[in-house]
């Protein structure tokens, strides 16, 4: 068991039979006689849905201790991604919904740590930066004089904005946080600020 004030990013908790990953936790002190509150952002590991509940600092929650295994990515199909344990060659299917948009950056042979609870995969630990090849770029739009960005398509099909000088067939690095942040907020300006070239 863990109390609300001890919650931190990366932990897993179970609420009403559902397993959640803590994406962020922030403690707010209370004023006068009011007790504080712990604001959290949780992701349901089964459905991928986000939830932002508040907890009392002394509220007791069930924390989980997942086991971590490094697996090799083999291939993906419509609903699942298949990984292999390199030690015993056992294949494990992981729902694509659990991996989110970062799944598009998986390449065959890539080693990825996965976290398991009760024999079921609940989370994947993606690297902070993943390299992808730029397949094509759009010509720059000269009508917008203040814009120094153009549309580009990566070899995995993901559309991003890149600097004008970036040509097709060069490597572009894309931060995992940018992709995840962009997926939730669908903001092109956020990509422009956080793109690593």
N, C-alpha and C. Protein backbone atom coordinates (compact mmCIF):
# COMPACT_ATOMS: atom_id res chain seq x y z
N UNK A 1 0.84 -1.19 0.00
CA UNK A 1 0.00 0.00 0.00
C UNK A 1 0.88 1.24 0.00
N UNK A 2 0.36 2.28 -0.63
CA UNK A 2 1.06 3.56 -0.70
C UNK A 2 0.04 4.65 -0.39
N UNK A 3 0.49 5.74 0.22
CA UNK A 3 -0.43 6.84 0.49
C UNK A 3 -0.33 7.86 -0.64
N UNK A 4 -1.35 8.69 -0.77
CA UNK A 4 -1.44 9.62 -1.88
C UNK A 4 -0.24 10.54 -2.02
N UNK A 5 0.32 10.99 -0.91
CA UNK A 5 1.45 11.93 -0.98
C UNK A 5 2.73 11.26 -1.49
N UNK A 6 2.78 9.92 -1.54
CA UNK A 6 3.96 9.19 -2.00
C UNK A 6 3.88 8.81 -3.49
N UNK A 7 2.79 9.16 -4.15
CA UNK A 7 2.64 8.82 -5.57
C UNK A 7 3.64 9.60 -6.40
N UNK A 8 4.24 8.93 -7.39
CA UNK A 8 5.16 9.61 -8.31
C UNK A 8 5.08 8.97 -9.68
N UNK A 9 5.59 9.70 -10.66
CA UNK A 9 5.57 9.27 -12.05
C UNK A 9 6.24 7.91 -12.22
N UNK A 10 5.62 7.05 -13.02
CA UNK A 10 6.19 5.74 -13.32
C UNK A 10 5.66 4.62 -12.45
N UNK A 11 4.96 4.95 -11.37
CA UNK A 11 4.40 3.91 -10.50
C UNK A 11 3.13 3.34 -11.14
N UNK A 12 2.72 2.15 -10.67
CA UNK A 12 1.49 1.52 -11.10
C UNK A 12 0.61 1.30 -9.89
N UNK A 13 -0.68 1.61 -10.01
CA UNK A 13 -1.63 1.40 -8.92
C UNK A 13 -2.86 0.69 -9.46
N UNK A 14 -3.60 0.03 -8.53
CA UNK A 14 -4.84 -0.63 -8.92
C UNK A 14 -5.99 0.06 -8.21
N UNK A 15 -6.99 0.50 -8.99
CA UNK A 15 -8.18 1.15 -8.44
C UNK A 15 -9.39 0.43 -9.01
N UNK A 16 -10.22 -0.11 -8.13
CA UNK A 16 -11.44 -0.84 -8.52
C UNK A 16 -11.16 -1.90 -9.57
N UNK A 17 -10.07 -2.65 -9.40
CA UNK A 17 -9.73 -3.75 -10.29
C UNK A 17 -9.00 -3.36 -11.56
N UNK A 18 -8.87 -2.07 -11.84
CA UNK A 18 -8.20 -1.59 -13.04
C UNK A 18 -6.78 -1.15 -12.70
N UNK A 19 -5.83 -1.44 -13.59
CA UNK A 19 -4.43 -1.07 -13.38
C UNK A 19 -4.15 0.22 -14.13
N UNK A 20 -3.54 1.19 -13.41
CA UNK A 20 -3.22 2.49 -13.98
C UNK A 20 -1.73 2.79 -13.81
N UNK A 21 -1.17 3.45 -14.84
CA UNK A 21 0.20 3.95 -14.76
C UNK A 21 0.12 5.43 -14.41
N UNK A 22 0.93 5.88 -13.45
CA UNK A 22 0.94 7.28 -13.07
C UNK A 22 1.85 8.03 -14.03
N UNK A 23 1.27 8.95 -14.79
CA UNK A 23 2.04 9.77 -15.73
C UNK A 23 2.58 11.02 -15.05
N UNK A 24 1.83 11.56 -14.08
CA UNK A 24 2.31 12.69 -13.30
C UNK A 24 1.55 12.74 -11.98
N UNK A 25 2.20 13.28 -10.96
CA UNK A 25 1.59 13.45 -9.64
C UNK A 25 2.13 14.74 -9.04
N UNK A 26 1.22 15.58 -8.55
CA UNK A 26 1.60 16.87 -8.00
C UNK A 26 0.84 17.10 -6.71
N UNK A 27 1.57 17.37 -5.62
CA UNK A 27 0.96 17.63 -4.33
C UNK A 27 0.69 19.12 -4.17
N UNK A 28 -0.51 19.45 -3.72
CA UNK A 28 -0.89 20.84 -3.44
C UNK A 28 -1.22 20.95 -1.97
N UNK A 29 -0.59 21.91 -1.30
CA UNK A 29 -0.84 22.11 0.12
C UNK A 29 -2.20 22.76 0.30
N UNK A 30 -2.88 22.39 1.39
CA UNK A 30 -4.18 22.96 1.70
C UNK A 30 -4.03 24.28 2.44
N UNK A 31 -5.06 25.09 2.43
CA UNK A 31 -5.06 26.37 3.13
C UNK A 31 -5.86 26.25 4.42
N UNK A 32 -5.35 26.85 5.48
CA UNK A 32 -6.01 26.88 6.79
C UNK A 32 -6.33 25.46 7.27
N UNK A 33 -7.61 25.16 7.50
CA UNK A 33 -8.00 23.85 8.03
C UNK A 33 -8.18 22.79 6.95
N UNK A 34 -8.12 23.20 5.69
CA UNK A 34 -8.30 22.25 4.60
C UNK A 34 -7.04 21.42 4.41
N UNK A 35 -7.23 20.14 4.18
CA UNK A 35 -6.06 19.30 3.90
C UNK A 35 -5.66 19.49 2.44
N UNK A 36 -4.46 19.08 2.12
CA UNK A 36 -3.97 19.23 0.75
C UNK A 36 -4.63 18.23 -0.18
N UNK A 37 -4.17 18.25 -1.43
CA UNK A 37 -4.69 17.34 -2.44
C UNK A 37 -3.52 16.92 -3.33
N UNK A 38 -3.61 15.70 -3.85
CA UNK A 38 -2.62 15.19 -4.80
C UNK A 38 -3.31 15.05 -6.14
N UNK A 39 -2.87 15.89 -7.10
CA UNK A 39 -3.44 15.84 -8.46
C UNK A 39 -2.60 14.85 -9.27
N UNK A 40 -3.27 13.94 -9.94
CA UNK A 40 -2.56 12.93 -10.72
C UNK A 40 -3.10 12.86 -12.14
N UNK A 41 -2.28 12.32 -13.00
CA UNK A 41 -2.70 12.01 -14.37
C UNK A 41 -2.38 10.53 -14.55
N UNK A 42 -3.41 9.72 -14.79
CA UNK A 42 -3.27 8.27 -14.89
C UNK A 42 -3.63 7.80 -16.28
N UNK A 43 -3.01 6.65 -16.68
CA UNK A 43 -3.35 6.00 -17.95
C UNK A 43 -3.75 4.57 -17.63
N UNK A 44 -4.96 4.19 -18.08
CA UNK A 44 -5.43 2.83 -17.91
C UNK A 44 -4.61 1.94 -18.85
N UNK A 45 -3.91 0.94 -18.29
CA UNK A 45 -3.01 0.13 -19.12
C UNK A 45 -3.77 -0.78 -20.08
N UNK A 46 -5.02 -1.09 -19.81
CA UNK A 46 -5.80 -1.95 -20.71
C UNK A 46 -6.35 -1.17 -21.90
N UNK A 47 -6.94 -0.03 -21.64
CA UNK A 47 -7.61 0.73 -22.70
C UNK A 47 -6.80 1.90 -23.22
N UNK A 48 -5.83 2.37 -22.45
CA UNK A 48 -5.04 3.54 -22.86
C UNK A 48 -5.72 4.86 -22.53
N UNK A 49 -6.89 4.83 -21.91
CA UNK A 49 -7.63 6.05 -21.58
C UNK A 49 -6.95 6.81 -20.45
N UNK A 50 -7.02 8.13 -20.56
CA UNK A 50 -6.45 9.01 -19.53
C UNK A 50 -7.51 9.34 -18.49
N UNK A 51 -7.04 9.57 -17.26
CA UNK A 51 -7.93 9.93 -16.16
C UNK A 51 -7.14 10.84 -15.24
N UNK A 52 -7.75 11.90 -14.73
CA UNK A 52 -7.07 12.85 -13.86
C UNK A 52 -7.78 12.96 -12.51
N UNK A 53 -7.66 11.95 -11.66
CA UNK A 53 -8.31 12.01 -10.34
C UNK A 53 -7.46 12.79 -9.34
N UNK A 54 -8.11 13.22 -8.26
CA UNK A 54 -7.43 13.86 -7.13
C UNK A 54 -7.55 12.94 -5.93
N UNK A 55 -6.49 12.85 -5.14
CA UNK A 55 -6.48 12.01 -3.95
C UNK A 55 -6.12 12.86 -2.73
N UNK A 56 -6.58 12.43 -1.57
CA UNK A 56 -6.13 13.05 -0.33
C UNK A 56 -4.70 12.60 -0.05
N UNK A 57 -3.87 13.43 0.57
CA UNK A 57 -2.48 13.02 0.84
C UNK A 57 -2.37 11.77 1.71
N UNK A 58 -3.37 11.51 2.57
CA UNK A 58 -3.31 10.34 3.45
C UNK A 58 -4.12 9.15 2.92
N UNK A 59 -4.68 9.27 1.73
CA UNK A 59 -5.48 8.18 1.15
C UNK A 59 -4.58 7.00 0.77
N UNK A 60 -5.01 5.79 1.15
CA UNK A 60 -4.22 4.59 0.89
C UNK A 60 -4.65 3.96 -0.44
N UNK A 61 -3.64 3.64 -1.26
CA UNK A 61 -3.88 3.04 -2.58
C UNK A 61 -3.02 1.79 -2.72
N UNK A 62 -3.47 0.87 -3.55
CA UNK A 62 -2.72 -0.37 -3.79
C UNK A 62 -1.70 -0.13 -4.90
N UNK A 63 -0.42 -0.19 -4.53
CA UNK A 63 0.63 -0.03 -5.54
C UNK A 63 1.08 -1.40 -6.02
N UNK A 64 1.56 -1.47 -7.26
CA UNK A 64 1.94 -2.73 -7.88
C UNK A 64 3.42 -2.71 -8.22
N UNK A 65 4.06 -3.86 -8.16
CA UNK A 65 5.47 -4.00 -8.51
C UNK A 65 5.58 -4.83 -9.78
N UNK A 66 5.69 -4.20 -10.94
CA UNK A 66 5.80 -4.96 -12.19
C UNK A 66 7.19 -5.56 -12.37
N UNK A 67 7.27 -6.65 -13.13
CA UNK A 67 8.56 -7.24 -13.50
C UNK A 67 8.91 -6.70 -14.89
N UNK A 68 10.19 -6.46 -15.11
CA UNK A 68 10.64 -5.92 -16.40
C UNK A 68 11.46 -6.95 -17.15
N UNK A 69 11.17 -7.09 -18.44
CA UNK A 69 11.92 -7.98 -19.33
C UNK A 69 12.25 -7.21 -20.60
N UNK A 70 13.45 -7.40 -21.11
CA UNK A 70 13.82 -6.78 -22.38
C UNK A 70 13.52 -7.77 -23.50
N UNK A 71 12.65 -7.36 -24.41
CA UNK A 71 12.20 -8.22 -25.50
C UNK A 71 12.57 -7.60 -26.84
N UNK A 72 12.63 -8.45 -27.86
CA UNK A 72 12.97 -8.01 -29.22
C UNK A 72 11.69 -7.89 -30.03
N UNK A 73 11.52 -6.73 -30.68
CA UNK A 73 10.34 -6.53 -31.53
C UNK A 73 10.51 -7.30 -32.83
N UNK A 74 9.47 -8.07 -33.22
CA UNK A 74 9.51 -8.85 -34.46
C UNK A 74 8.69 -8.19 -35.56
N UNK A 75 7.37 -8.04 -35.33
CA UNK A 75 6.48 -7.48 -36.35
C UNK A 75 5.18 -7.03 -35.70
N UNK A 76 4.37 -6.31 -36.46
CA UNK A 76 3.05 -5.91 -35.97
C UNK A 76 2.00 -6.23 -37.02
N UNK A 77 0.77 -6.45 -36.55
CA UNK A 77 -0.35 -6.65 -37.46
C UNK A 77 -1.44 -5.64 -37.09
N UNK A 78 -2.67 -5.89 -37.44
CA UNK A 78 -3.73 -4.91 -37.26
C UNK A 78 -3.96 -4.53 -35.79
N UNK A 79 -3.90 -5.50 -34.88
CA UNK A 79 -4.25 -5.22 -33.48
C UNK A 79 -3.11 -5.42 -32.49
N UNK A 80 -2.09 -6.17 -32.86
CA UNK A 80 -1.05 -6.51 -31.89
C UNK A 80 0.35 -6.30 -32.47
N UNK A 81 1.30 -6.20 -31.55
CA UNK A 81 2.73 -6.20 -31.89
C UNK A 81 3.33 -7.45 -31.26
N UNK A 82 4.15 -8.16 -32.00
CA UNK A 82 4.74 -9.40 -31.52
C UNK A 82 6.19 -9.18 -31.12
N UNK A 83 6.50 -9.57 -29.87
CA UNK A 83 7.85 -9.48 -29.33
C UNK A 83 8.35 -10.88 -29.02
N UNK A 84 9.68 -11.02 -28.97
CA UNK A 84 10.27 -12.32 -28.66
C UNK A 84 11.27 -12.15 -27.51
N UNK A 85 11.22 -13.11 -26.59
CA UNK A 85 12.21 -13.15 -25.52
C UNK A 85 13.49 -13.74 -26.11
N UNK A 86 14.62 -12.99 -26.16
CA UNK A 86 15.82 -13.51 -26.81
C UNK A 86 16.48 -14.68 -26.07
N UNK A 87 16.10 -14.91 -24.81
CA UNK A 87 16.70 -16.01 -24.05
C UNK A 87 16.05 -17.35 -24.34
N UNK A 88 14.70 -17.37 -24.39
CA UNK A 88 14.02 -18.65 -24.60
C UNK A 88 13.18 -18.68 -25.89
N UNK A 89 13.24 -17.61 -26.71
CA UNK A 89 12.54 -17.51 -27.99
C UNK A 89 11.02 -17.57 -27.88
N UNK A 90 10.48 -17.33 -26.70
CA UNK A 90 9.03 -17.29 -26.51
C UNK A 90 8.48 -16.00 -27.11
N UNK A 91 7.39 -16.09 -27.88
CA UNK A 91 6.79 -14.92 -28.51
C UNK A 91 5.61 -14.43 -27.68
N UNK A 92 5.52 -13.10 -27.55
CA UNK A 92 4.48 -12.47 -26.75
C UNK A 92 3.80 -11.41 -27.61
N UNK A 93 2.46 -11.43 -27.62
CA UNK A 93 1.69 -10.43 -28.35
C UNK A 93 1.26 -9.33 -27.39
N UNK A 94 1.48 -8.08 -27.82
CA UNK A 94 1.14 -6.91 -27.02
C UNK A 94 0.14 -6.08 -27.81
N UNK A 95 -0.98 -5.65 -27.18
CA UNK A 95 -1.95 -4.83 -27.91
C UNK A 95 -1.33 -3.51 -28.36
N UNK A 96 -1.64 -3.11 -29.58
CA UNK A 96 -1.10 -1.85 -30.11
C UNK A 96 -1.58 -0.66 -29.29
N UNK A 97 -2.79 -0.75 -28.73
CA UNK A 97 -3.33 0.36 -27.93
C UNK A 97 -2.46 0.65 -26.72
N UNK A 98 -1.83 -0.39 -26.17
CA UNK A 98 -0.97 -0.20 -25.00
C UNK A 98 0.28 0.61 -25.36
N UNK A 99 0.78 0.46 -26.58
CA UNK A 99 2.00 1.14 -26.98
C UNK A 99 1.74 2.56 -27.46
N UNK A 100 0.52 2.84 -27.94
CA UNK A 100 0.19 4.18 -28.39
C UNK A 100 0.85 4.52 -29.71
N UNK A 101 0.98 5.81 -29.98
CA UNK A 101 1.54 6.27 -31.25
C UNK A 101 3.03 5.96 -31.35
N UNK A 102 3.70 5.76 -30.23
CA UNK A 102 5.13 5.44 -30.25
C UNK A 102 5.39 4.10 -30.93
N UNK A 103 4.34 3.28 -31.09
CA UNK A 103 4.46 1.99 -31.77
C UNK A 103 4.97 2.16 -33.20
N UNK A 104 4.69 3.31 -33.80
CA UNK A 104 5.12 3.54 -35.17
C UNK A 104 6.63 3.61 -35.30
N UNK A 105 7.33 3.84 -34.20
CA UNK A 105 8.79 3.93 -34.25
C UNK A 105 9.49 2.59 -34.04
N UNK A 106 8.72 1.53 -33.78
CA UNK A 106 9.34 0.22 -33.60
C UNK A 106 9.88 -0.29 -34.93
N UNK A 107 11.07 -0.89 -34.87
CA UNK A 107 11.69 -1.48 -36.04
C UNK A 107 12.07 -2.91 -35.72
N UNK A 108 11.95 -3.85 -36.67
CA UNK A 108 12.32 -5.24 -36.40
C UNK A 108 13.74 -5.35 -35.85
N UNK A 109 13.88 -6.15 -34.80
CA UNK A 109 15.18 -6.34 -34.17
C UNK A 109 15.46 -5.38 -33.03
N UNK A 110 14.60 -4.39 -32.83
CA UNK A 110 14.78 -3.40 -31.76
C UNK A 110 14.48 -4.03 -30.41
N UNK A 111 15.38 -3.82 -29.43
CA UNK A 111 15.18 -4.33 -28.08
C UNK A 111 14.44 -3.28 -27.26
N UNK A 112 13.39 -3.71 -26.55
CA UNK A 112 12.55 -2.79 -25.81
C UNK A 112 12.18 -3.39 -24.46
N UNK A 113 12.41 -2.68 -23.35
CA UNK A 113 11.98 -3.19 -22.04
C UNK A 113 10.46 -3.11 -21.91
N UNK A 114 9.84 -4.23 -21.55
CA UNK A 114 8.40 -4.27 -21.29
C UNK A 114 8.19 -4.62 -19.82
N UNK A 115 7.15 -4.04 -19.23
CA UNK A 115 6.83 -4.31 -17.84
C UNK A 115 5.61 -5.22 -17.78
N UNK A 116 5.69 -6.24 -16.92
CA UNK A 116 4.63 -7.24 -16.79
C UNK A 116 4.10 -7.25 -15.36
N UNK A 117 2.80 -7.52 -15.24
CA UNK A 117 2.20 -7.74 -13.94
C UNK A 117 1.28 -8.95 -14.06
N UNK A 118 1.51 -9.95 -13.21
CA UNK A 118 0.76 -11.21 -13.24
C UNK A 118 0.82 -11.84 -14.63
N UNK A 119 1.99 -11.79 -15.27
CA UNK A 119 2.21 -12.41 -16.57
C UNK A 119 1.64 -11.68 -17.76
N UNK A 120 1.07 -10.51 -17.54
CA UNK A 120 0.45 -9.74 -18.62
C UNK A 120 1.23 -8.45 -18.85
N UNK A 121 1.55 -8.11 -20.11
CA UNK A 121 2.27 -6.85 -20.35
C UNK A 121 1.38 -5.65 -20.02
N UNK A 122 1.96 -4.68 -19.28
CA UNK A 122 1.17 -3.50 -18.90
C UNK A 122 1.79 -2.19 -19.39
N UNK A 123 3.07 -2.21 -19.76
CA UNK A 123 3.70 -0.97 -20.20
C UNK A 123 4.99 -1.28 -20.95
N UNK A 124 5.39 -0.34 -21.81
CA UNK A 124 6.66 -0.45 -22.53
C UNK A 124 7.47 0.80 -22.23
N UNK A 125 8.78 0.64 -22.12
CA UNK A 125 9.67 1.76 -21.82
C UNK A 125 10.41 2.13 -23.11
N UNK A 126 9.91 3.15 -23.79
CA UNK A 126 10.53 3.59 -25.04
C UNK A 126 11.72 4.49 -24.73
N UNK A 127 12.73 4.48 -25.60
CA UNK A 127 13.85 5.40 -25.40
C UNK A 127 13.38 6.85 -25.57
N UNK A 128 14.12 7.80 -24.99
CA UNK A 128 13.74 9.21 -25.09
C UNK A 128 13.81 9.73 -26.51
N UNK A 129 14.77 9.26 -27.29
CA UNK A 129 14.92 9.72 -28.67
C UNK A 129 15.01 8.50 -29.58
N UNK A 130 14.24 8.54 -30.66
CA UNK A 130 14.24 7.46 -31.65
C UNK A 130 14.56 8.08 -33.00
N UNK A 131 15.43 7.44 -33.76
CA UNK A 131 15.77 7.96 -35.08
C UNK A 131 14.87 7.32 -36.14
N UNK A 132 14.43 8.17 -37.06
CA UNK A 132 13.61 7.70 -38.18
C UNK A 132 14.07 8.42 -39.43
N UNK A 133 13.96 7.74 -40.56
CA UNK A 133 14.39 8.33 -41.83
C UNK A 133 13.25 9.12 -42.45
N UNK A 134 13.59 10.28 -43.00
CA UNK A 134 12.61 11.12 -43.68
C UNK A 134 12.40 10.55 -45.08
N UNK A 135 11.17 10.14 -45.40
CA UNK A 135 10.86 9.55 -46.70
C UNK A 135 10.61 10.62 -47.75
N UNK A 136 9.86 11.66 -47.37
CA UNK A 136 9.57 12.74 -48.33
C UNK A 136 9.29 14.02 -47.57
N UNK A 137 9.56 15.14 -48.24
CA UNK A 137 9.26 16.44 -47.66
C UNK A 137 8.48 17.26 -48.67
N UNK A 138 7.64 18.13 -48.16
CA UNK A 138 6.87 19.01 -49.02
C UNK A 138 7.72 20.24 -49.35
N UNK A 139 7.45 20.88 -50.48
CA UNK A 139 8.18 22.12 -50.76
C UNK A 139 7.78 23.18 -49.73
N UNK A 140 8.69 24.09 -49.39
CA UNK A 140 8.36 25.12 -48.41
C UNK A 140 7.29 26.06 -48.95
N UNK A 141 6.47 26.56 -48.06
CA UNK A 141 5.42 27.49 -48.44
C UNK A 141 5.99 28.91 -48.36
N UNK A 142 6.21 29.54 -49.52
CA UNK A 142 6.82 30.86 -49.55
C UNK A 142 5.84 31.96 -49.19
N UNK A 143 4.57 31.67 -49.18
CA UNK A 143 3.59 32.70 -48.84
C UNK A 143 3.67 33.07 -47.36
N UNK A 144 4.15 32.17 -46.55
CA UNK A 144 4.28 32.44 -45.12
C UNK A 144 5.74 32.76 -44.82
N UNK A 145 6.07 34.03 -44.83
CA UNK A 145 7.45 34.45 -44.69
C UNK A 145 8.04 34.12 -43.32
N UNK A 146 7.20 34.11 -42.29
CA UNK A 146 7.73 33.87 -40.95
C UNK A 146 7.84 32.38 -40.62
N UNK A 147 7.35 31.51 -41.47
CA UNK A 147 7.39 30.08 -41.21
C UNK A 147 8.70 29.48 -41.74
N UNK A 148 9.43 28.82 -40.87
CA UNK A 148 10.67 28.17 -41.30
C UNK A 148 10.53 26.65 -41.20
N UNK A 149 9.32 26.16 -41.32
CA UNK A 149 9.03 24.74 -41.20
C UNK A 149 8.26 24.26 -42.40
N UNK A 150 8.37 22.96 -42.68
CA UNK A 150 7.60 22.35 -43.77
C UNK A 150 7.16 20.96 -43.33
N UNK A 151 6.17 20.43 -44.03
CA UNK A 151 5.66 19.09 -43.73
C UNK A 151 6.65 18.04 -44.22
N UNK A 152 6.77 16.95 -43.46
CA UNK A 152 7.61 15.83 -43.85
C UNK A 152 6.91 14.54 -43.45
N UNK A 153 7.17 13.48 -44.22
CA UNK A 153 6.64 12.16 -43.91
C UNK A 153 7.82 11.25 -43.61
N UNK A 154 7.77 10.58 -42.45
CA UNK A 154 8.83 9.65 -42.08
C UNK A 154 8.59 8.31 -42.75
N UNK A 155 9.60 7.45 -42.76
CA UNK A 155 9.46 6.14 -43.40
C UNK A 155 8.43 5.25 -42.73
N UNK A 156 8.02 5.60 -41.50
CA UNK A 156 6.99 4.82 -40.81
C UNK A 156 5.59 5.40 -41.03
N UNK A 157 5.47 6.45 -41.88
CA UNK A 157 4.17 7.01 -42.21
C UNK A 157 3.74 8.18 -41.34
N UNK A 158 4.49 8.52 -40.32
CA UNK A 158 4.13 9.60 -39.42
C UNK A 158 4.43 10.94 -40.08
N UNK A 159 3.50 11.90 -39.97
CA UNK A 159 3.67 13.23 -40.53
C UNK A 159 4.14 14.17 -39.43
N UNK A 160 5.23 14.89 -39.70
CA UNK A 160 5.77 15.85 -38.74
C UNK A 160 6.14 17.13 -39.47
N UNK A 161 6.55 18.16 -38.72
CA UNK A 161 7.06 19.39 -39.30
C UNK A 161 8.56 19.44 -39.03
N UNK A 162 9.32 19.81 -40.05
CA UNK A 162 10.78 19.83 -39.96
C UNK A 162 11.31 21.17 -40.45
N UNK A 163 12.56 21.52 -40.12
CA UNK A 163 13.13 22.76 -40.64
C UNK A 163 13.22 22.74 -42.16
N UNK A 164 13.20 23.92 -42.77
CA UNK A 164 13.22 24.03 -44.23
C UNK A 164 14.44 23.36 -44.86
N UNK A 165 15.57 23.38 -44.17
CA UNK A 165 16.81 22.87 -44.75
C UNK A 165 16.90 21.35 -44.77
N UNK A 166 16.00 20.67 -44.06
CA UNK A 166 16.05 19.22 -44.00
C UNK A 166 15.56 18.63 -45.31
N UNK A 167 16.36 17.77 -45.92
CA UNK A 167 16.01 17.15 -47.19
C UNK A 167 15.56 15.72 -46.98
N UNK A 168 14.85 15.17 -47.94
CA UNK A 168 14.44 13.77 -47.87
C UNK A 168 15.68 12.88 -47.83
N UNK A 169 15.56 11.73 -47.24
CA UNK A 169 16.61 10.71 -47.10
C UNK A 169 17.63 11.03 -46.00
N UNK A 170 17.46 12.16 -45.28
CA UNK A 170 18.32 12.44 -44.14
C UNK A 170 17.64 11.92 -42.89
N UNK A 171 18.39 11.72 -41.83
CA UNK A 171 17.80 11.24 -40.59
C UNK A 171 17.27 12.40 -39.77
N UNK A 172 16.09 12.23 -39.21
CA UNK A 172 15.53 13.21 -38.27
C UNK A 172 15.32 12.50 -36.95
N UNK A 173 15.72 13.12 -35.88
CA UNK A 173 15.48 12.56 -34.55
C UNK A 173 14.21 13.19 -34.02
N UNK A 174 13.40 12.38 -33.40
CA UNK A 174 12.12 12.86 -32.89
C UNK A 174 11.99 12.42 -31.45
N UNK A 175 11.78 13.33 -30.54
CA UNK A 175 11.67 12.99 -29.13
C UNK A 175 10.37 12.25 -28.88
N UNK A 176 10.42 11.20 -28.05
CA UNK A 176 9.23 10.44 -27.74
C UNK A 176 8.18 11.32 -27.07
N UNK A 177 8.62 12.20 -26.18
CA UNK A 177 7.68 13.06 -25.48
C UNK A 177 6.93 13.96 -26.46
N UNK A 178 7.59 14.42 -27.50
CA UNK A 178 6.94 15.29 -28.49
C UNK A 178 5.82 14.52 -29.18
N UNK A 179 6.10 13.29 -29.60
CA UNK A 179 5.08 12.51 -30.30
C UNK A 179 3.90 12.23 -29.38
N UNK A 180 4.16 11.83 -28.16
CA UNK A 180 3.07 11.53 -27.23
C UNK A 180 2.28 12.81 -26.91
N UNK A 181 2.99 13.91 -26.68
CA UNK A 181 2.34 15.17 -26.38
C UNK A 181 1.50 15.63 -27.56
N UNK A 182 2.04 15.48 -28.75
CA UNK A 182 1.33 15.88 -29.96
C UNK A 182 0.09 15.03 -30.17
N UNK A 183 0.17 13.74 -29.82
CA UNK A 183 -0.98 12.85 -30.00
C UNK A 183 -2.14 13.31 -29.13
N UNK A 184 -1.88 13.69 -27.89
CA UNK A 184 -2.95 14.06 -26.96
C UNK A 184 -3.53 15.43 -27.28
N UNK A 185 -2.69 16.38 -27.70
CA UNK A 185 -3.16 17.74 -27.88
C UNK A 185 -3.33 18.14 -29.34
N UNK A 186 -2.80 17.33 -30.26
CA UNK A 186 -2.90 17.59 -31.71
C UNK A 186 -2.50 19.03 -32.04
N UNK A 187 -1.34 19.43 -31.52
CA UNK A 187 -0.88 20.80 -31.74
C UNK A 187 0.39 20.80 -32.55
N UNK A 188 0.35 21.42 -33.72
CA UNK A 188 1.53 21.48 -34.58
C UNK A 188 2.58 22.41 -33.99
N UNK A 189 2.16 23.45 -33.29
CA UNK A 189 3.12 24.40 -32.72
C UNK A 189 3.99 23.73 -31.66
N UNK A 190 3.45 22.79 -30.93
CA UNK A 190 4.24 22.09 -29.92
C UNK A 190 5.34 21.28 -30.57
N UNK A 191 5.06 20.69 -31.74
CA UNK A 191 6.07 19.91 -32.46
C UNK A 191 7.18 20.84 -32.92
N UNK A 192 6.83 22.02 -33.40
CA UNK A 192 7.82 22.96 -33.88
C UNK A 192 8.81 23.34 -32.78
N UNK A 193 8.33 23.51 -31.57
CA UNK A 193 9.20 23.95 -30.49
C UNK A 193 10.10 22.84 -29.99
N UNK A 194 9.66 21.58 -30.07
CA UNK A 194 10.39 20.51 -29.42
C UNK A 194 11.08 19.57 -30.39
N UNK A 195 11.07 19.85 -31.67
CA UNK A 195 11.71 18.98 -32.64
C UNK A 195 13.22 19.05 -32.49
N UNK A 196 13.88 17.90 -32.49
CA UNK A 196 15.32 17.83 -32.43
C UNK A 196 15.80 17.48 -33.83
N UNK A 197 16.65 18.29 -34.41
CA UNK A 197 17.12 18.00 -35.77
C UNK A 197 18.59 17.70 -35.76
